[in-house]
Amino acid sequence: MISTNDVRPGMALNLPDGLFQVVEYQHTKPGKGKAFVKMKLKNLDTGSLVERTFRAGENVQDAKIDRREFQYLYRDDMGFHFMDGETYEQMAVPETLVGDASSFLSEGMTVQLPIFEGNPIGIDLQAAVELSVTYAEPGVKGDRVSGATKPVTVETGLVVQAPLFIEQGDTIKVDTRTGDYITRVS
């Protein structure tokens, strides 16, 4: 148990209606009455955001989430398979938990899996990943307008808007939060 006064953004709480991560935290002491704590919580099962108000000093159950590095192996009917780099234990993560992160996963990539009571509850990617371009329309000579972009397809099937000079076979860095092109690596 932890007091609501000690809760900080990023922490996980095990509330009666599910597992939640604290997104925002605000402690308020009105002129009259007792202090209260307003939190914006993200449900780790559904991904939905909820606002909750607690009395200041009220005890809530904190959740101990173990974050370990895993290597992505492959995908099949059971979901996405990852291997723990220390114990070589393999774990299958259902497609519903991976969500949009599947567009950025390539074989051999290292990711962090948050684990609660022995079960994965999601996937944490790096802020940017390097992906190989598998298809890109050729840039037309003379079509070099500053800031012009074209759609390119990367090894995971994701389509990214990239500058005209990007060609098939190049490796590019992509932002995993927005899906935007960052830079060419090679």
N, C-alpha and C. Protein backbone atom coordinates (compact mmCIF):
# COMPACT_ATOMS: atom_id res chain seq x y z
N MET A 1 0.85 -1.18 0.00
CA MET A 1 0.00 0.00 0.00
C MET A 1 0.89 1.24 0.00
N ILE A 2 0.38 2.27 -0.67
CA ILE A 2 1.12 3.53 -0.75
C ILE A 2 0.11 4.67 -0.58
N SER A 3 0.54 5.74 0.05
CA SER A 3 -0.32 6.90 0.24
C SER A 3 -0.46 7.66 -1.08
N THR A 4 -1.62 8.25 -1.31
CA THR A 4 -1.81 9.04 -2.53
C THR A 4 -0.89 10.25 -2.55
N ASN A 5 -0.36 10.67 -1.39
CA ASN A 5 0.58 11.78 -1.34
C ASN A 5 1.93 11.38 -1.94
N ASP A 6 2.24 10.08 -1.96
CA ASP A 6 3.53 9.59 -2.45
C ASP A 6 3.49 9.12 -3.90
N VAL A 7 2.32 9.17 -4.53
CA VAL A 7 2.18 8.72 -5.91
C VAL A 7 2.80 9.74 -6.85
N ARG A 8 3.47 9.26 -7.90
CA ARG A 8 4.10 10.12 -8.90
C ARG A 8 3.77 9.62 -10.30
N PRO A 9 3.83 10.50 -11.31
CA PRO A 9 3.58 10.04 -12.68
C PRO A 9 4.54 8.93 -13.08
N GLY A 10 4.01 7.94 -13.80
CA GLY A 10 4.80 6.80 -14.24
C GLY A 10 4.61 5.58 -13.36
N MET A 11 4.14 5.78 -12.12
CA MET A 11 3.92 4.65 -11.22
C MET A 11 2.69 3.85 -11.66
N ALA A 12 2.62 2.60 -11.25
CA ALA A 12 1.47 1.74 -11.56
C ALA A 12 0.69 1.47 -10.29
N LEU A 13 -0.63 1.48 -10.40
CA LEU A 13 -1.51 1.22 -9.27
C LEU A 13 -2.41 0.04 -9.60
N ASN A 14 -2.59 -0.83 -8.61
CA ASN A 14 -3.48 -1.98 -8.75
C ASN A 14 -4.78 -1.64 -8.03
N LEU A 15 -5.72 -1.04 -8.73
CA LEU A 15 -7.00 -0.62 -8.17
C LEU A 15 -8.03 -1.74 -8.33
N PRO A 16 -9.14 -1.69 -7.61
CA PRO A 16 -10.14 -2.76 -7.72
C PRO A 16 -10.66 -3.00 -9.14
N ASP A 17 -10.69 -1.96 -9.99
CA ASP A 17 -11.21 -2.15 -11.35
C ASP A 17 -10.11 -2.30 -12.39
N GLY A 18 -8.90 -2.65 -11.98
CA GLY A 18 -7.85 -2.94 -12.96
C GLY A 18 -6.50 -2.36 -12.61
N LEU A 19 -5.57 -2.57 -13.53
CA LEU A 19 -4.20 -2.08 -13.38
C LEU A 19 -4.08 -0.77 -14.14
N PHE A 20 -3.58 0.29 -13.48
CA PHE A 20 -3.50 1.62 -14.06
C PHE A 20 -2.10 2.20 -13.91
N GLN A 21 -1.71 3.04 -14.88
CA GLN A 21 -0.46 3.79 -14.80
C GLN A 21 -0.82 5.25 -14.62
N VAL A 22 -0.13 5.92 -13.70
CA VAL A 22 -0.40 7.33 -13.43
C VAL A 22 0.22 8.17 -14.54
N VAL A 23 -0.62 8.95 -15.25
CA VAL A 23 -0.17 9.81 -16.33
C VAL A 23 0.06 11.23 -15.79
N GLU A 24 -0.92 11.74 -15.05
CA GLU A 24 -0.81 13.07 -14.45
C GLU A 24 -1.23 12.99 -13.00
N TYR A 25 -0.65 13.86 -12.18
CA TYR A 25 -0.92 13.86 -10.75
C TYR A 25 -1.01 15.30 -10.28
N GLN A 26 -2.07 15.63 -9.54
CA GLN A 26 -2.23 17.00 -9.03
C GLN A 26 -2.78 16.95 -7.62
N HIS A 27 -2.02 17.48 -6.66
CA HIS A 27 -2.45 17.56 -5.27
C HIS A 27 -3.05 18.95 -5.06
N THR A 28 -4.29 19.01 -4.55
CA THR A 28 -4.98 20.29 -4.39
C THR A 28 -5.45 20.47 -2.96
N LYS A 29 -5.20 21.63 -2.39
CA LYS A 29 -5.67 21.98 -1.05
C LYS A 29 -6.54 23.22 -1.19
N PRO A 30 -7.88 23.02 -1.23
CA PRO A 30 -8.76 24.19 -1.34
C PRO A 30 -8.73 25.00 -0.04
N GLY A 31 -9.19 26.22 -0.10
CA GLY A 31 -9.22 27.08 1.08
C GLY A 31 -10.07 26.48 2.19
N LYS A 32 -11.18 25.90 1.80
CA LYS A 32 -12.09 25.27 2.75
C LYS A 32 -12.12 23.79 2.46
N GLY A 33 -12.19 22.97 3.43
CA GLY A 33 -12.31 21.54 3.21
C GLY A 33 -10.96 20.83 3.23
N LYS A 34 -11.02 19.56 2.91
CA LYS A 34 -9.83 18.72 2.97
C LYS A 34 -9.13 18.66 1.62
N ALA A 35 -7.84 18.37 1.68
CA ALA A 35 -7.04 18.25 0.46
C ALA A 35 -7.46 17.00 -0.31
N PHE A 36 -7.27 17.05 -1.63
CA PHE A 36 -7.56 15.88 -2.46
C PHE A 36 -6.52 15.77 -3.56
N VAL A 37 -6.47 14.60 -4.16
CA VAL A 37 -5.50 14.31 -5.21
C VAL A 37 -6.28 13.91 -6.45
N LYS A 38 -6.00 14.61 -7.56
CA LYS A 38 -6.63 14.31 -8.85
C LYS A 38 -5.58 13.62 -9.72
N MET A 39 -5.94 12.47 -10.28
CA MET A 39 -5.00 11.73 -11.13
C MET A 39 -5.64 11.39 -12.46
N LYS A 40 -4.84 11.47 -13.50
CA LYS A 40 -5.25 10.97 -14.80
C LYS A 40 -4.54 9.62 -14.92
N LEU A 41 -5.33 8.56 -15.09
CA LEU A 41 -4.80 7.19 -15.10
C LEU A 41 -5.04 6.53 -16.45
N LYS A 42 -4.06 5.75 -16.88
CA LYS A 42 -4.20 4.98 -18.12
C LYS A 42 -4.41 3.52 -17.74
N ASN A 43 -5.52 2.96 -18.21
CA ASN A 43 -5.80 1.55 -17.96
C ASN A 43 -4.85 0.72 -18.80
N LEU A 44 -4.03 -0.12 -18.16
CA LEU A 44 -3.02 -0.89 -18.88
C LEU A 44 -3.61 -2.07 -19.64
N ASP A 45 -4.88 -2.41 -19.38
CA ASP A 45 -5.53 -3.49 -20.13
C ASP A 45 -6.16 -2.96 -21.41
N THR A 46 -6.86 -1.83 -21.30
CA THR A 46 -7.60 -1.32 -22.45
C THR A 46 -6.93 -0.11 -23.12
N GLY A 47 -6.05 0.58 -22.39
CA GLY A 47 -5.39 1.77 -22.94
C GLY A 47 -6.20 3.04 -22.78
N SER A 48 -7.39 2.95 -22.19
CA SER A 48 -8.23 4.14 -22.04
C SER A 48 -7.75 5.02 -20.88
N LEU A 49 -8.01 6.33 -20.98
CA LEU A 49 -7.63 7.28 -19.94
C LEU A 49 -8.83 7.57 -19.05
N VAL A 50 -8.59 7.61 -17.74
CA VAL A 50 -9.64 7.85 -16.75
C VAL A 50 -9.14 8.88 -15.76
N GLU A 51 -10.03 9.78 -15.33
CA GLU A 51 -9.67 10.72 -14.27
C GLU A 51 -10.30 10.25 -12.98
N ARG A 52 -9.49 10.22 -11.91
CA ARG A 52 -9.98 9.79 -10.60
C ARG A 52 -9.57 10.81 -9.56
N THR A 53 -10.38 10.96 -8.54
CA THR A 53 -10.09 11.84 -7.42
C THR A 53 -10.02 11.00 -6.15
N PHE A 54 -8.97 11.19 -5.37
CA PHE A 54 -8.77 10.48 -4.11
C PHE A 54 -8.59 11.49 -2.99
N ARG A 55 -8.90 11.08 -1.76
CA ARG A 55 -8.62 11.93 -0.61
C ARG A 55 -7.11 11.95 -0.39
N ALA A 56 -6.57 13.06 0.03
CA ALA A 56 -5.14 13.15 0.32
C ALA A 56 -4.83 12.23 1.49
N GLY A 57 -3.78 11.44 1.35
CA GLY A 57 -3.39 10.51 2.41
C GLY A 57 -4.08 9.16 2.34
N GLU A 58 -5.01 9.00 1.41
CA GLU A 58 -5.70 7.72 1.25
C GLU A 58 -4.70 6.68 0.72
N ASN A 59 -4.84 5.45 1.19
CA ASN A 59 -3.93 4.39 0.75
C ASN A 59 -4.48 3.68 -0.48
N VAL A 60 -3.60 3.46 -1.45
CA VAL A 60 -3.94 2.71 -2.66
C VAL A 60 -2.89 1.61 -2.84
N GLN A 61 -3.26 0.57 -3.56
CA GLN A 61 -2.35 -0.55 -3.78
C GLN A 61 -1.43 -0.24 -4.95
N ASP A 62 -0.12 -0.21 -4.70
CA ASP A 62 0.81 0.02 -5.80
C ASP A 62 1.13 -1.33 -6.45
N ALA A 63 1.46 -1.29 -7.72
CA ALA A 63 1.75 -2.51 -8.49
C ALA A 63 3.25 -2.54 -8.78
N LYS A 64 3.87 -3.63 -8.46
CA LYS A 64 5.30 -3.80 -8.75
C LYS A 64 5.43 -4.37 -10.17
N ILE A 65 5.88 -3.51 -11.08
CA ILE A 65 6.04 -3.93 -12.47
C ILE A 65 7.52 -4.10 -12.75
N ASP A 66 7.86 -5.28 -13.22
CA ASP A 66 9.24 -5.61 -13.56
C ASP A 66 9.44 -5.32 -15.04
N ARG A 67 10.40 -4.47 -15.36
CA ARG A 67 10.70 -4.13 -16.76
C ARG A 67 12.01 -4.81 -17.13
N ARG A 68 11.91 -5.76 -18.08
CA ARG A 68 13.10 -6.49 -18.51
C ARG A 68 13.27 -6.37 -20.01
N GLU A 69 14.54 -6.47 -20.43
CA GLU A 69 14.83 -6.40 -21.86
C GLU A 69 14.65 -7.77 -22.50
N PHE A 70 13.94 -7.75 -23.62
CA PHE A 70 13.70 -8.96 -24.39
C PHE A 70 14.09 -8.70 -25.84
N GLN A 71 14.43 -9.76 -26.54
CA GLN A 71 14.75 -9.67 -27.96
C GLN A 71 13.56 -10.22 -28.74
N TYR A 72 13.11 -9.46 -29.75
CA TYR A 72 12.00 -9.91 -30.58
C TYR A 72 12.48 -11.00 -31.52
N LEU A 73 11.75 -12.13 -31.55
CA LEU A 73 12.13 -13.26 -32.38
C LEU A 73 11.28 -13.37 -33.64
N TYR A 74 9.98 -13.61 -33.47
CA TYR A 74 9.11 -13.82 -34.62
C TYR A 74 7.65 -13.66 -34.21
N ARG A 75 6.77 -13.74 -35.22
CA ARG A 75 5.33 -13.60 -35.01
C ARG A 75 4.64 -14.82 -35.61
N ASP A 76 3.64 -15.35 -34.90
CA ASP A 76 2.84 -16.45 -35.42
C ASP A 76 1.40 -16.33 -34.90
N ASP A 77 0.63 -17.42 -34.96
CA ASP A 77 -0.78 -17.40 -34.54
C ASP A 77 -0.95 -17.07 -33.06
N MET A 78 0.04 -17.42 -32.24
CA MET A 78 -0.06 -17.19 -30.79
C MET A 78 0.27 -15.75 -30.42
N GLY A 79 0.89 -15.01 -31.32
CA GLY A 79 1.25 -13.62 -31.06
C GLY A 79 2.70 -13.35 -31.42
N PHE A 80 3.30 -12.45 -30.68
CA PHE A 80 4.69 -12.05 -30.90
C PHE A 80 5.57 -12.74 -29.88
N HIS A 81 6.66 -13.34 -30.33
CA HIS A 81 7.52 -14.10 -29.44
C HIS A 81 8.80 -13.32 -29.13
N PHE A 82 9.12 -13.26 -27.84
CA PHE A 82 10.28 -12.55 -27.35
C PHE A 82 11.13 -13.48 -26.49
N MET A 83 12.45 -13.20 -26.43
CA MET A 83 13.35 -14.01 -25.62
C MET A 83 14.08 -13.13 -24.62
N ASP A 84 14.09 -13.56 -23.37
CA ASP A 84 14.83 -12.87 -22.32
C ASP A 84 16.32 -13.07 -22.58
N GLY A 85 17.09 -11.99 -22.63
CA GLY A 85 18.52 -12.06 -22.93
C GLY A 85 19.34 -12.72 -21.84
N GLU A 86 18.85 -12.75 -20.60
CA GLU A 86 19.60 -13.33 -19.49
C GLU A 86 19.28 -14.80 -19.28
N THR A 87 18.00 -15.15 -19.27
CA THR A 87 17.60 -16.53 -18.97
C THR A 87 17.28 -17.35 -20.21
N TYR A 88 17.21 -16.71 -21.37
CA TYR A 88 16.84 -17.34 -22.65
C TYR A 88 15.43 -17.92 -22.62
N GLU A 89 14.62 -17.47 -21.68
CA GLU A 89 13.22 -17.87 -21.59
C GLU A 89 12.44 -17.14 -22.68
N GLN A 90 11.55 -17.87 -23.36
CA GLN A 90 10.74 -17.25 -24.42
C GLN A 90 9.35 -16.95 -23.89
N MET A 91 8.78 -15.86 -24.39
CA MET A 91 7.46 -15.43 -23.95
C MET A 91 6.66 -14.98 -25.16
N ALA A 92 5.41 -15.44 -25.25
CA ALA A 92 4.51 -15.02 -26.32
C ALA A 92 3.63 -13.90 -25.80
N VAL A 93 3.59 -12.79 -26.54
CA VAL A 93 2.76 -11.65 -26.18
C VAL A 93 1.63 -11.54 -27.19
N PRO A 94 0.36 -11.55 -26.73
CA PRO A 94 -0.76 -11.46 -27.66
C PRO A 94 -0.74 -10.17 -28.48
N GLU A 95 -1.29 -10.23 -29.68
CA GLU A 95 -1.31 -9.09 -30.59
C GLU A 95 -2.03 -7.89 -29.99
N THR A 96 -3.03 -8.13 -29.16
CA THR A 96 -3.78 -7.03 -28.55
C THR A 96 -2.91 -6.19 -27.62
N LEU A 97 -1.92 -6.82 -26.95
CA LEU A 97 -1.04 -6.08 -26.05
C LEU A 97 0.04 -5.32 -26.82
N VAL A 98 0.45 -5.84 -27.97
CA VAL A 98 1.49 -5.18 -28.76
C VAL A 98 0.93 -3.96 -29.45
N GLY A 99 -0.26 -4.08 -30.02
CA GLY A 99 -0.94 -2.94 -30.65
C GLY A 99 -0.18 -2.34 -31.81
N ASP A 100 -0.09 -1.00 -31.82
CA ASP A 100 0.57 -0.27 -32.91
C ASP A 100 2.07 -0.47 -32.96
N ALA A 101 2.65 -0.97 -31.87
CA ALA A 101 4.10 -1.19 -31.83
C ALA A 101 4.53 -2.25 -32.84
N SER A 102 3.59 -3.07 -33.32
CA SER A 102 3.93 -4.13 -34.28
C SER A 102 4.48 -3.54 -35.58
N SER A 103 4.12 -2.31 -35.90
CA SER A 103 4.61 -1.66 -37.12
C SER A 103 6.10 -1.33 -37.06
N PHE A 104 6.68 -1.39 -35.87
CA PHE A 104 8.07 -1.00 -35.70
C PHE A 104 8.97 -2.17 -35.30
N LEU A 105 8.40 -3.37 -35.11
CA LEU A 105 9.18 -4.52 -34.66
C LEU A 105 9.85 -5.23 -35.82
N SER A 106 11.17 -5.36 -35.74
CA SER A 106 11.90 -6.16 -36.72
C SER A 106 12.69 -7.22 -35.96
N GLU A 107 12.94 -8.35 -36.59
CA GLU A 107 13.60 -9.47 -35.93
C GLU A 107 14.94 -9.06 -35.35
N GLY A 108 15.19 -9.49 -34.11
CA GLY A 108 16.44 -9.20 -33.43
C GLY A 108 16.43 -7.91 -32.63
N MET A 109 15.37 -7.12 -32.74
CA MET A 109 15.27 -5.84 -32.03
C MET A 109 15.10 -6.08 -30.53
N THR A 110 15.74 -5.23 -29.73
CA THR A 110 15.62 -5.31 -28.28
C THR A 110 14.56 -4.32 -27.80
N VAL A 111 13.61 -4.83 -26.99
CA VAL A 111 12.53 -4.01 -26.44
C VAL A 111 12.42 -4.29 -24.94
N GLN A 112 11.69 -3.44 -24.25
CA GLN A 112 11.41 -3.68 -22.84
C GLN A 112 9.97 -4.15 -22.70
N LEU A 113 9.79 -5.23 -21.94
CA LEU A 113 8.46 -5.73 -21.65
C LEU A 113 8.15 -5.48 -20.18
N PRO A 114 7.10 -4.70 -19.88
CA PRO A 114 6.67 -4.56 -18.49
C PRO A 114 5.90 -5.83 -18.09
N ILE A 115 6.30 -6.44 -16.97
CA ILE A 115 5.71 -7.71 -16.55
C ILE A 115 5.12 -7.53 -15.16
N PHE A 116 3.84 -7.91 -15.01
CA PHE A 116 3.13 -7.83 -13.73
C PHE A 116 2.65 -9.24 -13.38
N GLU A 117 3.09 -9.73 -12.23
CA GLU A 117 2.73 -11.07 -11.75
C GLU A 117 3.01 -12.15 -12.79
N GLY A 118 4.15 -12.04 -13.48
CA GLY A 118 4.58 -13.05 -14.43
C GLY A 118 3.98 -12.95 -15.82
N ASN A 119 3.09 -11.98 -16.04
CA ASN A 119 2.46 -11.82 -17.34
C ASN A 119 2.82 -10.47 -17.95
N PRO A 120 3.11 -10.45 -19.26
CA PRO A 120 3.39 -9.16 -19.90
C PRO A 120 2.12 -8.32 -19.97
N ILE A 121 2.28 -7.00 -19.81
CA ILE A 121 1.11 -6.11 -19.85
C ILE A 121 1.22 -5.09 -20.97
N GLY A 122 2.25 -5.20 -21.80
CA GLY A 122 2.43 -4.27 -22.90
C GLY A 122 3.81 -4.40 -23.48
N ILE A 123 4.23 -3.38 -24.20
CA ILE A 123 5.55 -3.36 -24.80
C ILE A 123 6.04 -1.91 -24.83
N ASP A 124 7.30 -1.71 -24.46
CA ASP A 124 7.90 -0.38 -24.49
C ASP A 124 9.00 -0.36 -25.53
N LEU A 125 8.80 0.45 -26.56
CA LEU A 125 9.81 0.59 -27.61
C LEU A 125 10.73 1.76 -27.30
N GLN A 126 11.88 1.79 -27.97
CA GLN A 126 12.75 2.95 -27.89
C GLN A 126 12.05 4.10 -28.60
N ALA A 127 12.52 5.32 -28.39
CA ALA A 127 11.90 6.49 -29.01
C ALA A 127 12.04 6.46 -30.53
N ALA A 128 13.12 5.85 -31.03
CA ALA A 128 13.34 5.77 -32.48
C ALA A 128 13.95 4.40 -32.81
N VAL A 129 13.57 3.87 -33.97
CA VAL A 129 14.13 2.60 -34.43
C VAL A 129 14.68 2.76 -35.84
N GLU A 130 15.65 1.90 -36.17
CA GLU A 130 16.24 1.92 -37.50
C GLU A 130 15.61 0.79 -38.32
N LEU A 131 15.05 1.14 -39.47
CA LEU A 131 14.38 0.17 -40.33
C LEU A 131 14.91 0.30 -41.76
N SER A 132 14.96 -0.83 -42.45
CA SER A 132 15.45 -0.87 -43.82
C SER A 132 14.30 -0.58 -44.80
N VAL A 133 14.57 0.23 -45.82
CA VAL A 133 13.56 0.57 -46.82
C VAL A 133 13.49 -0.55 -47.84
N THR A 134 12.29 -1.14 -48.00
CA THR A 134 12.11 -2.24 -48.95
C THR A 134 11.53 -1.77 -50.28
N TYR A 135 10.84 -0.62 -50.28
CA TYR A 135 10.30 -0.10 -51.53
C TYR A 135 10.26 1.42 -51.47
N ALA A 136 10.76 2.05 -52.51
CA ALA A 136 10.70 3.50 -52.63
C ALA A 136 10.63 3.86 -54.11
N GLU A 137 9.71 4.73 -54.46
CA GLU A 137 9.63 5.23 -55.83
C GLU A 137 10.92 6.00 -56.12
N PRO A 138 11.45 5.89 -57.32
CA PRO A 138 12.66 6.67 -57.62
C PRO A 138 12.34 8.16 -57.68
N GLY A 139 13.29 8.95 -57.18
CA GLY A 139 13.13 10.40 -57.25
C GLY A 139 13.39 10.86 -58.68
N VAL A 140 12.55 11.72 -59.20
CA VAL A 140 12.69 12.21 -60.57
C VAL A 140 13.70 13.35 -60.59
N LYS A 141 14.63 13.32 -61.56
CA LYS A 141 15.65 14.37 -61.65
C LYS A 141 14.95 15.70 -61.90
N GLY A 142 15.34 16.68 -61.14
CA GLY A 142 14.72 18.00 -61.26
C GLY A 142 13.57 18.18 -60.29
N ASP A 143 13.12 17.09 -59.67
CA ASP A 143 12.02 17.15 -58.71
C ASP A 143 12.62 17.25 -57.30
N ARG A 144 13.37 18.26 -57.05
CA ARG A 144 14.08 18.39 -55.78
C ARG A 144 13.60 19.62 -55.01
N VAL A 145 12.33 19.78 -54.92
CA VAL A 145 11.77 20.90 -54.17
C VAL A 145 12.16 20.73 -52.70
N SER A 146 12.57 21.79 -52.07
CA SER A 146 12.98 21.73 -50.68
C SER A 146 11.82 21.25 -49.80
N GLY A 147 12.07 20.20 -49.02
CA GLY A 147 11.06 19.69 -48.11
C GLY A 147 10.07 18.73 -48.72
N ALA A 148 10.21 18.37 -50.00
CA ALA A 148 9.27 17.44 -50.63
C ALA A 148 9.49 16.03 -50.08
N THR A 149 8.40 15.27 -49.98
CA THR A 149 8.48 13.91 -49.46
C THR A 149 7.77 12.95 -50.38
N LYS A 150 8.04 11.66 -50.15
CA LYS A 150 7.39 10.59 -50.90
C LYS A 150 7.16 9.44 -49.94
N PRO A 151 6.17 8.59 -50.22
CA PRO A 151 5.94 7.44 -49.34
C PRO A 151 6.97 6.33 -49.63
N VAL A 152 7.56 5.77 -48.57
CA VAL A 152 8.46 4.63 -48.69
C VAL A 152 7.96 3.54 -47.75
N THR A 153 8.17 2.28 -48.15
CA THR A 153 7.76 1.15 -47.33
C THR A 153 9.00 0.56 -46.67
N VAL A 154 8.91 0.33 -45.35
CA VAL A 154 10.04 -0.25 -44.62
C VAL A 154 9.81 -1.74 -44.40
N GLU A 155 10.81 -2.44 -43.86
CA GLU A 155 10.79 -3.90 -43.74
C GLU A 155 9.61 -4.46 -42.95
N THR A 156 8.99 -3.66 -42.09
CA THR A 156 7.86 -4.14 -41.30
C THR A 156 6.52 -3.94 -42.01
N GLY A 157 6.55 -3.28 -43.17
CA GLY A 157 5.33 -3.00 -43.92
C GLY A 157 4.78 -1.61 -43.66
N LEU A 158 5.37 -0.88 -42.74
CA LEU A 158 4.95 0.48 -42.42
C LEU A 158 5.31 1.42 -43.57
N VAL A 159 4.39 2.32 -43.91
CA VAL A 159 4.65 3.32 -44.94
C VAL A 159 4.95 4.64 -44.25
N VAL A 160 6.12 5.23 -44.58
CA VAL A 160 6.61 6.44 -43.95
C VAL A 160 6.83 7.50 -45.02
N GLN A 161 6.49 8.74 -44.71
CA GLN A 161 6.78 9.86 -45.62
C GLN A 161 8.24 10.25 -45.40
N ALA A 162 9.05 10.12 -46.45
CA ALA A 162 10.49 10.40 -46.36
C ALA A 162 10.91 11.36 -47.47
N PRO A 163 12.07 11.99 -47.33
CA PRO A 163 12.55 12.90 -48.38
C PRO A 163 12.78 12.16 -49.70
N LEU A 164 12.83 12.91 -50.80
CA LEU A 164 12.95 12.33 -52.14
C LEU A 164 14.25 11.56 -52.36
N PHE A 165 15.32 11.87 -51.61
CA PHE A 165 16.60 11.21 -51.84
C PHE A 165 16.68 9.80 -51.23
N ILE A 166 15.69 9.37 -50.45
CA ILE A 166 15.69 8.03 -49.86
C ILE A 166 15.40 7.01 -50.95
N GLU A 167 16.23 5.95 -51.00
CA GLU A 167 16.09 4.92 -52.02
C GLU A 167 15.92 3.55 -51.38
N GLN A 168 15.50 2.60 -52.19
CA GLN A 168 15.34 1.22 -51.73
C GLN A 168 16.70 0.71 -51.25
N GLY A 169 16.73 0.05 -50.08
CA GLY A 169 17.97 -0.47 -49.52
C GLY A 169 18.56 0.44 -48.45
N ASP A 170 18.13 1.70 -48.39
CA ASP A 170 18.61 2.61 -47.36
C ASP A 170 18.05 2.19 -46.00
N THR A 171 18.74 2.57 -44.96
CA THR A 171 18.24 2.37 -43.60
C THR A 171 17.89 3.75 -43.05
N ILE A 172 16.67 3.86 -42.52
CA ILE A 172 16.21 5.15 -41.98
C ILE A 172 15.83 5.00 -40.52
N LYS A 173 15.86 6.11 -39.82
CA LYS A 173 15.45 6.15 -38.42
C LYS A 173 14.03 6.71 -38.38
N VAL A 174 13.12 6.00 -37.66
CA VAL A 174 11.71 6.37 -37.59
C VAL A 174 11.33 6.58 -36.13
N ASP A 175 10.58 7.64 -35.86
CA ASP A 175 10.08 7.94 -34.52
C ASP A 175 8.93 6.98 -34.21
N THR A 176 9.03 6.21 -33.11
CA THR A 176 8.00 5.22 -32.79
C THR A 176 6.75 5.85 -32.18
N ARG A 177 6.85 7.07 -31.70
CA ARG A 177 5.67 7.71 -31.11
C ARG A 177 4.74 8.26 -32.18
N THR A 178 5.32 8.78 -33.29
CA THR A 178 4.50 9.42 -34.32
C THR A 178 4.53 8.69 -35.66
N GLY A 179 5.54 7.84 -35.87
CA GLY A 179 5.69 7.16 -37.16
C GLY A 179 6.33 8.03 -38.21
N ASP A 180 6.97 9.12 -37.81
CA ASP A 180 7.59 10.07 -38.75
C ASP A 180 9.05 9.70 -39.02
N TYR A 181 9.49 10.05 -40.22
CA TYR A 181 10.89 9.92 -40.63
C TYR A 181 11.74 10.88 -39.81
N ILE A 182 12.92 10.42 -39.33
CA ILE A 182 13.82 11.29 -38.60
C ILE A 182 15.06 11.61 -39.45
N THR A 183 15.78 10.55 -39.86
CA THR A 183 17.00 10.75 -40.63
C THR A 183 17.39 9.47 -41.35
N ARG A 184 18.29 9.62 -42.33
CA ARG A 184 18.83 8.45 -43.01
C ARG A 184 20.07 7.99 -42.25
N VAL A 185 20.15 6.68 -42.02
CA VAL A 185 21.30 6.14 -41.30
C VAL A 185 22.37 5.70 -42.30
N SER A 186 21.95 5.00 -43.36
CA SER A 186 22.91 4.60 -44.41
C SER A 186 22.20 4.39 -45.72
